[in-house]
Amino acid sequence: RRMSDFDSKEYATVRRGSYTIGERATAMYEDVRVQ
């Protein structure tokens, strides 16, 4: 479900987009590194 939700509702490339959804995707991606 988490992957489906991300792909359908939150997907954006990471580390490159300074727009809102890109920054959110980057934050989620980097949070996994913390995990």
Full PDB file with SEQRES, HELIX, SHEET, SSBOND, CRYST1, ORIGX, SCALE, CONECT and MASTER records, all heavy atoms in Angstrom:
SEQRES   1 A   35  ARG ARG MET SER ASP PHE ASP SER LYS GLU TYR ALA THR          
SEQRES   2 A   35  VAL ARG ARG GLY SER TYR THR ILE GLY GLU ARG ALA THR          
SEQRES   3 A   35  ALA MET TYR GLU ASP VAL ARG VAL GLN                          
HELIX    1 AA1 ARG A    2  ASP A    5  1                                   4    
HELIX    2 AA2 PHE A    6  GLU A   10  3                                   5    
HELIX    3 AA3 THR A   20  VAL A   34  1                                  15    
CRYST1    1.000    1.000    1.000  90.00  90.00  90.00 P 1           1          
ORIGX1      1.000000  0.000000  0.000000        0.00000                         
ORIGX2      0.000000  1.000000  0.000000        0.00000                         
ORIGX3      0.000000  0.000000  1.000000        0.00000                         
SCALE1      1.000000  0.000000  0.000000        0.00000                         
SCALE2      0.000000  1.000000  0.000000        0.00000                         
SCALE3      0.000000  0.000000  1.000000        0.00000                         
ATOM      1  N   ARG A   1       0.824  -1.219   0.000  1.00  0.00           N  
ATOM      2  CA  ARG A   1       0.000   0.000   0.000  1.00  0.00           C  
ATOM      3  C   ARG A   1       0.849   1.256   0.000  1.00  0.00           C  
ATOM      4  O   ARG A   1       0.531   2.242  -0.676  1.00  0.00           O  
ATOM      5  CB  ARG A   1      -0.929  -0.007   1.218  1.00  0.00           C  
ATOM      6  CG  ARG A   1      -2.068  -1.009   1.107  1.00  0.00           C  
ATOM      7  CD  ARG A   1      -2.869  -1.063   2.400  1.00  0.00           C  
ATOM      8  NE  ARG A   1      -3.990  -1.992   2.300  1.00  0.00           N  
ATOM      9  CZ  ARG A   1      -4.714  -2.413   3.336  1.00  0.00           C  
ATOM     10  NH1 ARG A   1      -4.413  -1.975   4.567  1.00  0.00           N  
ATOM     11  NH2 ARG A   1      -5.714  -3.243   3.161  1.00  0.00           N  
ATOM     12  N   ARG A   2       1.958   1.219   0.765  1.00  0.00           N  
ATOM     13  CA  ARG A   2       2.794   2.413   0.848  1.00  0.00           C  
ATOM     14  C   ARG A   2       3.395   2.751  -0.506  1.00  0.00           C  
ATOM     15  O   ARG A   2       3.429   3.919  -0.913  1.00  0.00           O  
ATOM     16  CB  ARG A   2       3.928   2.201   1.877  1.00  0.00           C  
ATOM     17  CG  ARG A   2       4.828   3.425   2.047  1.00  0.00           C  
ATOM     18  CD  ARG A   2       4.062   4.550   2.740  1.00  0.00           C  
ATOM     19  NE  ARG A   2       4.743   5.828   2.674  1.00  0.00           N  
ATOM     20  CZ  ARG A   2       4.517   6.772   1.761  1.00  0.00           C  
ATOM     21  NH1 ARG A   2       3.621   6.564   0.793  1.00  0.00           N  
ATOM     22  NH2 ARG A   2       5.168   7.907   1.794  1.00  0.00           N  
ATOM     23  N   MET A   3       3.851   1.743  -1.234  1.00  0.00           N  
ATOM     24  CA  MET A   3       4.420   1.994  -2.558  1.00  0.00           C  
ATOM     25  C   MET A   3       3.349   2.468  -3.526  1.00  0.00           C  
ATOM     26  O   MET A   3       3.583   3.368  -4.342  1.00  0.00           O  
ATOM     27  CB  MET A   3       5.097   0.733  -3.082  1.00  0.00           C  
ATOM     28  CG  MET A   3       6.340   0.346  -2.294  1.00  0.00           C  
ATOM     29  SD  MET A   3       7.103  -1.158  -2.926  1.00  0.00           S  
ATOM     30  CE  MET A   3       7.693  -0.579  -4.519  1.00  0.00           C  
ATOM     31  N   SER A   4       2.155   1.873  -3.433  1.00  0.00           N  
ATOM     32  CA  SER A   4       1.058   2.294  -4.301  1.00  0.00           C  
ATOM     33  C   SER A   4       0.662   3.736  -4.018  1.00  0.00           C  
ATOM     34  O   SER A   4       0.458   4.534  -4.941  1.00  0.00           O  
ATOM     35  CB  SER A   4      -0.146   1.366  -4.107  1.00  0.00           C  
ATOM     36  OG  SER A   4      -1.239   1.791  -4.881  1.00  0.00           O  
ATOM     37  N   ASP A   5       0.574   4.078  -2.738  1.00  0.00           N  
ATOM     38  CA  ASP A   5       0.224   5.459  -2.372  1.00  0.00           C  
ATOM     39  C   ASP A   5       1.281   6.443  -2.854  1.00  0.00           C  
ATOM     40  O   ASP A   5       0.960   7.520  -3.367  1.00  0.00           O  
ATOM     41  CB  ASP A   5       0.067   5.580  -0.852  1.00  0.00           C  
ATOM     42  CG  ASP A   5      -1.217   4.954  -0.344  1.00  0.00           C  
ATOM     43  OD1 ASP A   5      -2.108   4.665  -1.174  1.00  0.00           O  
ATOM     44  OD2 ASP A   5      -1.327   4.745   0.875  1.00  0.00           O  
ATOM     45  N   PHE A   6       2.542   6.079  -2.692  1.00  0.00           N  
ATOM     46  CA  PHE A   6       3.603   6.975  -3.130  1.00  0.00           C  
ATOM     47  C   PHE A   6       3.559   7.167  -4.645  1.00  0.00           C  
ATOM     48  O   PHE A   6       3.625   8.294  -5.148  1.00  0.00           O  
ATOM     49  CB  PHE A   6       4.972   6.434  -2.705  1.00  0.00           C  
ATOM     50  CG  PHE A   6       6.118   7.283  -3.188  1.00  0.00           C  
ATOM     51  CD1 PHE A   6       6.429   8.478  -2.551  1.00  0.00           C  
ATOM     52  CD2 PHE A   6       6.869   6.903  -4.293  1.00  0.00           C  
ATOM     53  CE1 PHE A   6       7.460   9.280  -3.006  1.00  0.00           C  
ATOM     54  CE2 PHE A   6       7.908   7.691  -4.751  1.00  0.00           C  
ATOM     55  CZ  PHE A   6       8.208   8.884  -4.112  1.00  0.00           C  
ATOM     56  N   ASP A   7       3.442   6.056  -5.372  1.00  0.00           N  
ATOM     57  CA  ASP A   7       3.442   6.152  -6.839  1.00  0.00           C  
ATOM     58  C   ASP A   7       2.228   6.904  -7.375  1.00  0.00           C  
ATOM     59  O   ASP A   7       2.320   7.607  -8.385  1.00  0.00           O  
ATOM     60  CB  ASP A   7       3.483   4.751  -7.451  1.00  0.00           C  
ATOM     61  CG  ASP A   7       4.855   4.111  -7.343  1.00  0.00           C  
ATOM     62  OD1 ASP A   7       5.841   4.847  -7.155  1.00  0.00           O  
ATOM     63  OD2 ASP A   7       4.946   2.868  -7.448  1.00  0.00           O  
ATOM     64  N   SER A   8       1.094   6.771  -6.707  1.00  0.00           N  
ATOM     65  CA  SER A   8      -0.133   7.374  -7.232  1.00  0.00           C  
ATOM     66  C   SER A   8      -0.408   8.776  -6.695  1.00  0.00           C  
ATOM     67  O   SER A   8      -1.059   9.583  -7.369  1.00  0.00           O  
ATOM     68  CB  SER A   8      -1.335   6.470  -6.917  1.00  0.00           C  
ATOM     69  OG  SER A   8      -1.491   6.307  -5.520  1.00  0.00           O  
ATOM     70  N   LYS A   9       0.110   9.092  -5.514  1.00  0.00           N  
ATOM     71  CA  LYS A   9      -0.266  10.363  -4.885  1.00  0.00           C  
ATOM     72  C   LYS A   9       0.911  11.276  -4.532  1.00  0.00           C  
ATOM     73  O   LYS A   9       0.723  12.473  -4.338  1.00  0.00           O  
ATOM     74  CB  LYS A   9      -1.044  10.076  -3.589  1.00  0.00           C  
ATOM     75  CG  LYS A   9      -2.290   9.238  -3.789  1.00  0.00           C  
ATOM     76  CD  LYS A   9      -2.882   8.839  -2.437  1.00  0.00           C  
ATOM     77  CE  LYS A   9      -4.063   7.886  -2.606  1.00  0.00           C  
ATOM     78  NZ  LYS A   9      -4.599   7.444  -1.288  1.00  0.00           N  
ATOM     79  N   GLU A  10       2.114  10.713  -4.416  1.00  0.00           N  
ATOM     80  CA  GLU A  10       3.240  11.498  -3.889  1.00  0.00           C  
ATOM     81  C   GLU A  10       4.468  11.471  -4.770  1.00  0.00           C  
ATOM     82  O   GLU A  10       5.483  12.088  -4.447  1.00  0.00           O  
ATOM     83  CB  GLU A  10       3.628  10.947  -2.501  1.00  0.00           C  
ATOM     84  CG  GLU A  10       2.509  10.941  -1.492  1.00  0.00           C  
ATOM     85  CD  GLU A  10       2.814  10.076  -0.281  1.00  0.00           C  
ATOM     86  OE1 GLU A  10       3.119   8.881  -0.450  1.00  0.00           O  
ATOM     87  OE2 GLU A  10       2.750  10.602   0.840  1.00  0.00           O  
ATOM     88  N   TYR A  11       4.393  10.787  -5.898  1.00  0.00           N  
ATOM     89  CA  TYR A  11       5.592  10.537  -6.695  1.00  0.00           C  
ATOM     90  C   TYR A  11       6.193  11.807  -7.283  1.00  0.00           C  
ATOM     91  O   TYR A  11       5.497  12.662  -7.823  1.00  0.00           O  
ATOM     92  CB  TYR A  11       5.294   9.556  -7.834  1.00  0.00           C  
ATOM     93  CG  TYR A  11       6.541   9.170  -8.585  1.00  0.00           C  
ATOM     94  CD1 TYR A  11       7.389   8.187  -8.094  1.00  0.00           C  
ATOM     95  CD2 TYR A  11       6.892   9.817  -9.765  1.00  0.00           C  
ATOM     96  CE1 TYR A  11       8.550   7.835  -8.756  1.00  0.00           C  
ATOM     97  CE2 TYR A  11       8.055   9.478 -10.436  1.00  0.00           C  
ATOM     98  CZ  TYR A  11       8.880   8.489  -9.923  1.00  0.00           C  
ATOM     99  OH  TYR A  11      10.033   8.163 -10.582  1.00  0.00           O  
ATOM    100  N   ALA A  12       7.496  11.907  -7.163  1.00  0.00           N  
ATOM    101  CA  ALA A  12       8.295  12.942  -7.832  1.00  0.00           C  
ATOM    102  C   ALA A  12       9.734  12.503  -7.741  1.00  0.00           C  
ATOM    103  O   ALA A  12      10.089  11.644  -6.920  1.00  0.00           O  
ATOM    104  CB  ALA A  12       8.113  14.306  -7.160  1.00  0.00           C  
ATOM    105  N   THR A  13      10.594  13.044  -8.590  1.00  0.00           N  
ATOM    106  CA  THR A  13      12.005  12.712  -8.490  1.00  0.00           C  
ATOM    107  C   THR A  13      12.595  13.368  -7.251  1.00  0.00           C  
ATOM    108  O   THR A  13      12.041  14.340  -6.720  1.00  0.00           O  
ATOM    109  CB  THR A  13      12.770  13.137  -9.753  1.00  0.00           C  
ATOM    110  OG1 THR A  13      14.064  12.512  -9.748  1.00  0.00           O  
ATOM    111  CG2 THR A  13      12.945  14.639  -9.829  1.00  0.00           C  
ATOM    112  N   VAL A  14      13.703  12.821  -6.781  1.00  0.00           N  
ATOM    113  CA  VAL A  14      14.301  13.309  -5.543  1.00  0.00           C  
ATOM    114  C   VAL A  14      15.593  14.071  -5.826  1.00  0.00           C  
ATOM    115  O   VAL A  14      16.231  13.873  -6.852  1.00  0.00           O  
ATOM    116  CB  VAL A  14      14.588  12.145  -4.570  1.00  0.00           C  
ATOM    117  CG1 VAL A  14      13.292  11.466  -4.158  1.00  0.00           C  
ATOM    118  CG2 VAL A  14      15.541  11.118  -5.188  1.00  0.00           C  
ATOM    119  N   ARG A  15      15.917  14.975  -4.913  1.00  0.00           N  
ATOM    120  CA  ARG A  15      17.186  15.701  -4.897  1.00  0.00           C  
ATOM    121  C   ARG A  15      17.312  16.737  -6.006  1.00  0.00           C  
ATOM    122  O   ARG A  15      18.304  17.435  -6.068  1.00  0.00           O  
ATOM    123  CB  ARG A  15      18.386  14.734  -4.964  1.00  0.00           C  
ATOM    124  CG  ARG A  15      18.440  13.743  -3.827  1.00  0.00           C  
ATOM    125  CD  ARG A  15      19.765  13.026  -3.780  1.00  0.00           C  
ATOM    126  NE  ARG A  15      20.012  12.195  -4.936  1.00  0.00           N  
ATOM    127  CZ  ARG A  15      20.222  10.878  -4.900  1.00  0.00           C  
ATOM    128  NH1 ARG A  15      20.201  10.243  -3.747  1.00  0.00           N  
ATOM    129  NH2 ARG A  15      20.457  10.204  -5.992  1.00  0.00           N  
ATOM    130  N   ARG A  16      16.332  16.860  -6.876  1.00  0.00           N  
ATOM    131  CA  ARG A  16      16.481  17.763  -8.008  1.00  0.00           C  
ATOM    132  C   ARG A  16      15.415  18.850  -8.043  1.00  0.00           C  
ATOM    133  O   ARG A  16      15.699  19.985  -8.378  1.00  0.00           O  
ATOM    134  CB  ARG A  16      16.446  16.958  -9.319  1.00  0.00           C  
ATOM    135  CG  ARG A  16      17.653  16.057  -9.470  1.00  0.00           C  
ATOM    136  CD  ARG A  16      17.513  15.110 -10.635  1.00  0.00           C  
ATOM    137  NE  ARG A  16      18.676  14.238 -10.752  1.00  0.00           N  
ATOM    138  CZ  ARG A  16      18.727  13.181 -11.540  1.00  0.00           C  
ATOM    139  NH1 ARG A  16      17.686  12.841 -12.276  1.00  0.00           N  
ATOM    140  NH2 ARG A  16      19.815  12.436 -11.592  1.00  0.00           N  
ATOM    141  N   GLY A  17      14.181  18.473  -7.728  1.00  0.00           N  
ATOM    142  CA  GLY A  17      13.093  19.437  -7.846  1.00  0.00           C  
ATOM    143  C   GLY A  17      12.980  20.316  -6.611  1.00  0.00           C  
ATOM    144  O   GLY A  17      12.856  19.812  -5.493  1.00  0.00           O  
ATOM    145  N   SER A  18      13.025  21.612  -6.806  1.00  0.00           N  
ATOM    146  CA  SER A  18      12.856  22.535  -5.679  1.00  0.00           C  
ATOM    147  C   SER A  18      11.394  22.891  -5.473  1.00  0.00           C  
ATOM    148  O   SER A  18      11.063  23.704  -4.616  1.00  0.00           O  
ATOM    149  CB  SER A  18      13.677  23.812  -5.906  1.00  0.00           C  
ATOM    150  OG  SER A  18      13.307  24.432  -7.124  1.00  0.00           O  
ATOM    151  N   TYR A  19      10.524  22.266  -6.256  1.00  0.00           N  
ATOM    152  CA  TYR A  19       9.088  22.459  -6.083  1.00  0.00           C  
ATOM    153  C   TYR A  19       8.588  21.563  -4.957  1.00  0.00           C  
ATOM    154  O   TYR A  19       9.285  20.655  -4.511  1.00  0.00           O  
ATOM    155  CB  TYR A  19       8.351  22.164  -7.394  1.00  0.00           C  
ATOM    156  CG  TYR A  19       8.813  20.909  -8.098  1.00  0.00           C  
ATOM    157  CD1 TYR A  19       8.298  19.656  -7.752  1.00  0.00           C  
ATOM    158  CD2 TYR A  19       9.777  20.972  -9.105  1.00  0.00           C  
ATOM    159  CE1 TYR A  19       8.728  18.511  -8.376  1.00  0.00           C  
ATOM    160  CE2 TYR A  19      10.218  19.824  -9.743  1.00  0.00           C  
ATOM    161  CZ  TYR A  19       9.685  18.605  -9.381  1.00  0.00           C  
ATOM    162  OH  TYR A  19      10.117  17.459 -10.010  1.00  0.00           O  
ATOM    163  N   THR A  20       7.371  21.816  -4.524  1.00  0.00           N  
ATOM    164  CA  THR A  20       6.858  21.217  -3.295  1.00  0.00           C  
ATOM    165  C   THR A  20       6.882  19.694  -3.303  1.00  0.00           C  
ATOM    166  O   THR A  20       7.404  19.071  -2.362  1.00  0.00           O  
ATOM    167  CB  THR A  20       5.417  21.704  -3.023  1.00  0.00           C  
ATOM    168  OG1 THR A  20       5.453  23.119  -2.881  1.00  0.00           O  
ATOM    169  CG2 THR A  20       4.857  21.073  -1.758  1.00  0.00           C  
ATOM    170  N   ILE A  21       6.336  19.054  -4.349  1.00  0.00           N  
ATOM    171  CA  ILE A  21       6.243  17.591  -4.307  1.00  0.00           C  
ATOM    172  C   ILE A  21       7.627  16.949  -4.433  1.00  0.00           C  
ATOM    173  O   ILE A  21       7.860  15.864  -3.898  1.00  0.00           O  
ATOM    174  CB  ILE A  21       5.272  17.034  -5.364  1.00  0.00           C  
ATOM    175  CG1 ILE A  21       5.736  17.371  -6.795  1.00  0.00           C  
ATOM    176  CG2 ILE A  21       3.863  17.544  -5.111  1.00  0.00           C  
ATOM    177  CD1 ILE A  21       4.909  16.651  -7.853  1.00  0.00           C  
ATOM    178  N   GLY A  22       8.553  17.623  -5.124  1.00  0.00           N  
ATOM    179  CA  GLY A  22       9.918  17.113  -5.202  1.00  0.00           C  
ATOM    180  C   GLY A  22      10.613  17.182  -3.859  1.00  0.00           C  
ATOM    181  O   GLY A  22      11.330  16.251  -3.461  1.00  0.00           O  
ATOM    182  N   GLU A  23      10.391  18.266  -3.142  1.00  0.00           N  
ATOM    183  CA  GLU A  23      10.998  18.397  -1.817  1.00  0.00           C  
ATOM    184  C   GLU A  23      10.410  17.397  -0.834  1.00  0.00           C  
ATOM    185  O   GLU A  23      11.128  16.832   0.003  1.00  0.00           O  
ATOM    186  CB  GLU A  23      10.812  19.828  -1.305  1.00  0.00           C  
ATOM    187  CG  GLU A  23      11.645  20.844  -2.084  1.00  0.00           C  
ATOM    188  CD  GLU A  23      11.428  22.263  -1.597  1.00  0.00           C  
ATOM    189  OE1 GLU A  23      10.397  22.509  -0.918  1.00  0.00           O  
ATOM    190  OE2 GLU A  23      12.273  23.126  -1.901  1.00  0.00           O  
ATOM    191  N   ARG A  24       9.106  17.140  -0.956  1.00  0.00           N  
ATOM    192  CA  ARG A  24       8.476  16.158  -0.072  1.00  0.00           C  
ATOM    193  C   ARG A  24       8.991  14.756  -0.362  1.00  0.00           C  
ATOM    194  O   ARG A  24       9.259  13.975   0.550  1.00  0.00           O  
ATOM    195  CB  ARG A  24       6.954  16.219  -0.238  1.00  0.00           C  
ATOM    196  CG  ARG A  24       6.321  17.456   0.383  1.00  0.00           C  
ATOM    197  CD  ARG A  24       4.830  17.492   0.099  1.00  0.00           C  
ATOM    198  NE  ARG A  24       4.195  18.664   0.708  1.00  0.00           N  
ATOM    199  CZ  ARG A  24       2.951  19.052   0.451  1.00  0.00           C  
ATOM    200  NH1 ARG A  24       2.191  18.342  -0.398  1.00  0.00           N  
ATOM    201  NH2 ARG A  24       2.455  20.118   1.045  1.00  0.00           N  
ATOM    202  N   ALA A  25       9.115  14.415  -1.642  1.00  0.00           N  
ATOM    203  CA  ALA A  25       9.630  13.092  -2.016  1.00  0.00           C  
ATOM    204  C   ALA A  25      11.067  12.924  -1.518  1.00  0.00           C  
ATOM    205  O   ALA A  25      11.440  11.854  -1.019  1.00  0.00           O  
ATOM    206  CB  ALA A  25       9.568  12.898  -3.528  1.00  0.00           C  
ATOM    207  N   THR A  26      11.858  13.970  -1.642  1.00  0.00           N  
ATOM    208  CA  THR A  26      13.240  13.916  -1.160  1.00  0.00           C  
ATOM    209  C   THR A  26      13.279  13.691   0.341  1.00  0.00           C  
ATOM    210  O   THR A  26      14.081  12.882   0.847  1.00  0.00           O  
ATOM    211  CB  THR A  26      13.987  15.210  -1.515  1.00  0.00           C  
ATOM    212  OG1 THR A  26      14.007  15.369  -2.944  1.00  0.00           O  
ATOM    213  CG2 THR A  26      15.420  15.184  -0.988  1.00  0.00           C  
ATOM    214  N   ALA A  27      12.416  14.381   1.068  1.00  0.00           N  
ATOM    215  CA  ALA A  27      12.381  14.222   2.527  1.00  0.00           C  
ATOM    216  C   ALA A  27      12.013  12.793   2.907  1.00  0.00           C  
ATOM    217  O   ALA A  27      12.605  12.207   3.838  1.00  0.00           O  
ATOM    218  CB  ALA A  27      11.389  15.213   3.136  1.00  0.00           C  
ATOM    219  N   MET A  28      11.031  12.205   2.207  1.00  0.00           N  
ATOM    220  CA  MET A  28      10.634  10.829   2.495  1.00  0.00           C  
ATOM    221  C   MET A  28      11.765   9.856   2.178  1.00  0.00           C  
ATOM    222  O   MET A  28      12.035   8.915   2.936  1.00  0.00           O  
ATOM    223  CB  MET A  28       9.380  10.465   1.704  1.00  0.00           C  
ATOM    224  CG  MET A  28       8.117  11.132   2.221  1.00  0.00           C  
ATOM    225  SD  MET A  28       6.627  10.611   1.329  1.00  0.00           S  
ATOM    226  CE  MET A  28       6.719  11.644  -0.127  1.00  0.00           C  
ATOM    227  N   TYR A  29      12.425  10.075   1.043  1.00  0.00           N  
ATOM    228  CA  TYR A  29      13.531   9.222   0.618  1.00  0.00           C  
ATOM    229  C   TYR A  29      14.671   9.269   1.638  1.00  0.00           C  
ATOM    230  O   TYR A  29      15.200   8.234   2.052  1.00  0.00           O  
ATOM    231  CB  TYR A  29      14.004   9.707  -0.749  1.00  0.00           C  
ATOM    232  CG  TYR A  29      15.133   8.928  -1.372  1.00  0.00           C  
ATOM    233  CD1 TYR A  29      14.894   7.799  -2.141  1.00  0.00           C  
ATOM    234  CD2 TYR A  29      16.450   9.348  -1.231  1.00  0.00           C  
ATOM    235  CE1 TYR A  29      15.926   7.105  -2.746  1.00  0.00           C  
ATOM    236  CE2 TYR A  29      17.500   8.659  -1.823  1.00  0.00           C  
ATOM    237  CZ  TYR A  29      17.225   7.544  -2.582  1.00  0.00           C  
ATOM    238  OH  TYR A  29      18.261   6.860  -3.178  1.00  0.00           O  
ATOM    239  N   GLU A  30      15.025  10.463   2.072  1.00  0.00           N  
ATOM    240  CA  GLU A  30      16.127  10.610   3.018  1.00  0.00           C  
ATOM    241  C   GLU A  30      15.751  10.113   4.413  1.00  0.00           C  
ATOM    242  O   GLU A  30      16.627   9.694   5.176  1.00  0.00           O  
ATOM    243  CB  GLU A  30      16.593  12.060   3.076  1.00  0.00           C  
ATOM    244  CG  GLU A  30      17.275  12.539   1.800  1.00  0.00           C  
ATOM    245  CD  GLU A  30      18.517  11.705   1.458  1.00  0.00           C  
ATOM    246  OE1 GLU A  30      19.207  11.249   2.400  1.00  0.00           O  
ATOM    247  OE2 GLU A  30      18.783  11.506   0.258  1.00  0.00           O  
ATOM    248  N   ASP A  31      14.458  10.121   4.723  1.00  0.00           N  
ATOM    249  CA  ASP A  31      14.034   9.568   6.012  1.00  0.00           C  
ATOM    250  C   ASP A  31      14.298   8.071   6.072  1.00  0.00           C  
ATOM    251  O   ASP A  31      14.598   7.534   7.150  1.00  0.00           O  
ATOM    252  CB  ASP A  31      12.546   9.852   6.238  1.00  0.00           C  
ATOM    253  CG  ASP A  31      12.058   9.303   7.585  1.00  0.00           C  
ATOM    254  OD1 ASP A  31      12.561   9.774   8.620  1.00  0.00           O  
ATOM    255  OD2 ASP A  31      11.204   8.404   7.586  1.00  0.00           O  
ATOM    256  N   VAL A  32      14.215   7.392   4.922  1.00  0.00           N  
ATOM    257  CA  VAL A  32      14.520   5.958   4.907  1.00  0.00           C  
ATOM    258  C   VAL A  32      15.995   5.740   5.223  1.00  0.00           C  
ATOM    259  O   VAL A  32      16.354   4.775   5.902  1.00  0.00           O  
ATOM    260  CB  VAL A  32      14.147   5.330   3.553  1.00  0.00           C  
ATOM    261  CG1 VAL A  32      14.471   3.832   3.552  1.00  0.00           C  
ATOM    262  CG2 VAL A  32      12.666   5.542   3.246  1.00  0.00           C  
ATOM    263  N   ARG A  33      16.840   6.636   4.774  1.00  0.00           N  
ATOM    264  CA  ARG A  33      18.265   6.519   5.104  1.00  0.00           C  
ATOM    265  C   ARG A  33      18.463   6.573   6.629  1.00  0.00           C  
ATOM    266  O   ARG A  33      19.279   5.841   7.190  1.00  0.00           O  
ATOM    267  CB  ARG A  33      19.056   7.641   4.419  1.00  0.00           C  
ATOM    268  CG  ARG A  33      20.553   7.325   4.281  1.00  0.00           C  
ATOM    269  CD  ARG A  33      21.320   8.498   3.687  1.00  0.00           C  
ATOM    270  NE  ARG A  33      20.808   8.998   2.442  1.00  0.00           N  
ATOM    271  CZ  ARG A  33      21.096   8.522   1.244  1.00  0.00           C  
ATOM    272  NH1 ARG A  33      21.913   7.488   1.124  1.00  0.00           N  
ATOM    273  NH2 ARG A  33      20.585   9.063   0.142  1.00  0.00           N  
ATOM    274  N   VAL A  34      17.697   7.438   7.273  1.00  0.00           N  
ATOM    275  CA  VAL A  34      17.741   7.526   8.732  1.00  0.00           C  
ATOM    276  C   VAL A  34      17.266   6.208   9.352  1.00  0.00           C  
ATOM    277  O   VAL A  34      17.860   5.707  10.320  1.00  0.00           O  
ATOM    278  CB  VAL A  34      16.887   8.709   9.238  1.00  0.00           C  
ATOM    279  CG1 VAL A  34      16.836   8.733  10.760  1.00  0.00           C  
ATOM    280  CG2 VAL A  34      17.424  10.028   8.690  1.00  0.00           C  
ATOM    281  N   GLN A  35      16.194   5.636   8.792  1.00  0.00           N  
ATOM    282  CA  GLN A  35      15.672   4.369   9.310  1.00  0.00           C  
ATOM    283  C   GLN A  35      16.702   3.250   9.198  1.00  0.00           C  
ATOM    284  O   GLN A  35      16.860   2.444  10.111  1.00  0.00           O  
ATOM    285  CB  GLN A  35      14.415   3.973   8.548  1.00  0.00           C  
ATOM    286  CG  GLN A  35      13.203   4.839   8.806  1.00  0.00           C  
ATOM    287  CD  GLN A  35      12.036   4.390   7.947  1.00  0.00           C  
ATOM    288  OE1 GLN A  35      11.714   5.000   6.923  1.00  0.00           O  
ATOM    289  NE2 GLN A  35      11.402   3.312   8.359  1.00  0.00           N  
TER     290      GLN A  35                                                      
MASTER        0    0    0    3    0    0    0    6  289    1    0    3          
END                                                                             
